[in-house]
Amino acid sequence: MIREARASDKDILLQLMRKMHEETSYKQFPLSEIKLLETVELWLSNLWHRVTYVLEHEGAVVGVFVGHIDSFWFSESACGFDDVIYIDIDHRGRHGLSQMLARFEGWCRERGCTAVLVGVSSGVMIERTGKLLGFLGYDKVGGLYRRTI
């Protein structure tokens, strides 16, 4: 089940984000508990241009999706952008990602968006996630490159 996150989800969201940090290529960057707490509290603030969904399985929160609406620097057209997509490793492959994206797309349509952009920057299951996004109708339009300095 997909639902909007609520304040009572704060602790599980913090836990999921710690797991995500440890699992992804971003683990090389130090995790700040203060920054993490501030970020999760912002996600739970229910702003018009931001949404946070949780994925529940048998009553437990096992995934999170955070997205926002913005425009490109060159256009007034509104677009939906993902900020975080994470599903606990034991619950991947059960349609959670496609369900969260469908819910986000509907939310974006309601707010007049003309497109949804989704990135894969975790360094985890890049090809598999890309294939799923293609199957769901997303076009590959670029890539993300990082150089640690």
Protein backbone atom coordinates (compact mmCIF):
# COMPACT_ATOMS: atom_id res chain seq x y z
CA MET A 1 0.00 0.00 0.00
CA ILE A 2 1.17 3.52 -0.85
CA ARG A 3 0.16 6.44 1.36
CA GLU A 4 1.37 9.93 2.18
CA ALA A 5 3.85 9.99 5.01
CA ARG A 6 2.79 11.40 8.35
CA ALA A 7 4.63 12.72 11.38
CA SER A 8 4.44 9.35 13.11
CA ASP A 9 6.63 7.90 10.30
CA LYS A 10 9.62 10.05 11.25
CA ASP A 11 11.59 7.35 13.08
CA ILE A 12 11.13 4.72 10.38
CA LEU A 13 12.06 7.26 7.68
CA LEU A 14 15.24 8.08 9.58
CA GLN A 15 16.00 4.37 9.80
CA LEU A 16 15.34 3.79 6.08
CA MET A 17 17.51 6.76 5.09
CA ARG A 18 20.38 5.44 7.21
CA LYS A 19 20.06 2.09 5.44
CA MET A 20 19.94 3.81 2.06
CA HIS A 21 23.05 5.83 2.84
CA GLU A 22 24.95 2.71 3.86
CA GLU A 23 23.86 0.77 0.78
CA THR A 24 24.55 3.36 -1.92
CA SER A 25 27.64 4.87 -3.46
CA TYR A 26 27.05 7.91 -1.23
CA LYS A 27 28.29 6.01 1.84
CA GLN A 28 31.72 7.50 1.15
CA PHE A 29 30.31 10.84 2.32
CA PRO A 30 29.79 11.20 6.09
CA LEU A 31 26.22 10.94 7.32
CA SER A 32 25.14 13.86 9.49
CA GLU A 33 22.39 12.88 11.92
CA ILE A 34 21.48 16.56 12.34
CA LYS A 35 21.12 17.10 8.59
CA LEU A 36 19.21 13.84 8.24
CA LEU A 37 16.73 14.84 10.94
CA GLU A 38 16.24 18.30 9.42
CA THR A 39 15.67 16.78 5.99
CA VAL A 40 13.13 14.19 7.14
CA GLU A 41 11.26 16.86 9.11
CA LEU A 42 11.13 19.00 5.94
CA TRP A 43 9.78 16.03 3.97
CA LEU A 44 7.00 15.67 6.53
CA SER A 45 6.00 19.35 6.36
CA ASN A 46 3.37 18.76 3.60
CA LEU A 47 4.26 21.67 1.36
CA TRP A 48 2.20 22.15 -1.82
CA HIS A 49 5.24 21.55 -4.04
CA ARG A 50 6.64 18.52 -2.17
CA VAL A 51 5.24 15.11 -1.37
CA THR A 52 6.49 12.14 0.62
CA TYR A 53 5.00 8.69 0.19
CA VAL A 54 5.68 5.54 2.13
CA LEU A 55 5.33 1.97 0.94
CA GLU A 56 3.76 -0.34 3.48
CA HIS A 57 3.89 -4.12 3.49
CA GLU A 58 1.84 -5.98 6.09
CA GLY A 59 1.58 -2.80 8.17
CA ALA A 60 5.30 -2.00 8.16
CA VAL A 61 6.87 0.90 6.26
CA VAL A 62 9.41 -0.62 3.86
CA GLY A 63 9.96 2.17 1.33
CA VAL A 64 9.89 5.90 0.77
CA PHE A 65 9.46 8.23 -2.18
CA VAL A 66 10.09 11.97 -1.95
CA GLY A 67 9.41 14.26 -4.89
CA HIS A 68 8.87 17.91 -5.63
CA ILE A 69 7.65 20.25 -8.33
CA ASP A 70 9.80 22.90 -9.92
CA SER A 71 10.41 24.41 -13.33
CA PHE A 72 13.41 24.33 -15.59
CA TRP A 73 15.61 27.40 -15.61
CA PHE A 74 14.43 28.13 -19.17
CA SER A 75 10.68 27.55 -18.89
CA GLU A 76 7.59 28.23 -16.83
CA SER A 77 6.42 24.63 -17.34
CA ALA A 78 6.17 22.75 -14.07
CA CYS A 79 7.81 19.34 -13.78
CA GLY A 80 7.92 16.67 -11.12
CA PHE A 81 11.34 15.60 -9.85
CA ASP A 82 12.19 12.71 -7.56
CA ASP A 83 14.43 13.46 -4.58
CA VAL A 84 14.62 10.05 -2.94
CA ILE A 85 13.34 6.63 -3.86
CA TYR A 86 14.26 3.80 -1.55
CA ILE A 87 12.77 0.38 -0.93
CA ASP A 88 14.25 -1.91 1.68
CA ILE A 89 16.27 -4.65 -0.01
CA ASP A 90 13.94 -7.41 1.24
CA HIS A 91 10.94 -5.76 -0.47
CA ARG A 92 12.26 -4.88 -3.90
CA GLY A 93 10.76 -6.35 -7.03
CA ARG A 94 7.16 -6.34 -5.77
CA HIS A 95 5.84 -3.40 -7.83
CA GLY A 96 6.51 -0.86 -5.06
CA LEU A 97 8.55 1.43 -7.30
CA SER A 98 6.00 1.41 -10.11
CA GLN A 99 3.16 2.06 -7.65
CA MET A 100 4.98 4.98 -6.02
CA LEU A 101 5.81 6.48 -9.41
CA ALA A 102 2.21 6.14 -10.60
CA ARG A 103 0.99 7.90 -7.46
CA PHE A 104 3.59 10.66 -7.93
CA GLU A 105 2.65 11.11 -11.59
CA GLY A 106 -1.00 11.57 -10.61
CA TRP A 107 -0.02 14.10 -7.95
CA CYS A 108 2.05 15.97 -10.54
CA ARG A 109 -0.80 15.98 -13.08
CA GLU A 110 -3.13 17.47 -10.45
CA ARG A 111 -0.66 20.34 -10.08
CA GLY A 112 -0.29 21.03 -13.80
CA CYS A 113 3.07 19.39 -14.46
CA THR A 114 4.03 18.61 -18.03
CA ALA A 115 6.67 15.97 -17.26
CA VAL A 116 8.17 13.81 -14.52
CA LEU A 117 11.93 13.33 -14.27
CA VAL A 118 13.42 10.43 -12.33
CA GLY A 119 17.11 9.93 -11.64
CA VAL A 120 19.14 6.87 -10.74
CA SER A 121 22.18 8.08 -8.83
CA SER A 122 22.61 5.54 -6.03
CA GLY A 123 25.04 3.29 -7.85
CA VAL A 124 22.77 0.35 -6.94
CA MET A 125 20.97 -1.76 -9.54
CA ILE A 126 21.34 0.98 -12.15
CA GLU A 127 20.63 -1.17 -15.21
CA ARG A 128 17.71 -3.00 -13.62
CA THR A 129 16.11 0.23 -12.45
CA GLY A 130 16.69 1.78 -15.86
CA LYS A 131 14.98 -1.15 -17.57
CA LEU A 132 11.99 -0.83 -15.25
CA LEU A 133 11.75 2.91 -15.88
CA GLY A 134 11.85 2.27 -19.63
CA PHE A 135 9.11 -0.34 -19.27
CA LEU A 136 7.03 2.24 -17.37
CA GLY A 137 7.36 4.70 -20.27
CA TYR A 138 10.31 6.82 -19.16
CA ASP A 139 12.87 7.83 -21.78
CA LYS A 140 16.57 7.89 -20.95
CA VAL A 141 17.70 11.47 -21.53
CA GLY A 142 21.15 11.61 -19.95
CA GLY A 143 23.37 10.36 -17.19
CA LEU A 144 24.87 11.39 -13.89
CA TYR A 145 28.63 11.54 -13.53
CA ARG A 146 30.55 12.12 -10.30
CA ARG A 147 34.15 12.85 -9.56
CA THR A 148 35.15 12.77 -5.93
CA ILE A 149 37.73 15.42 -5.09
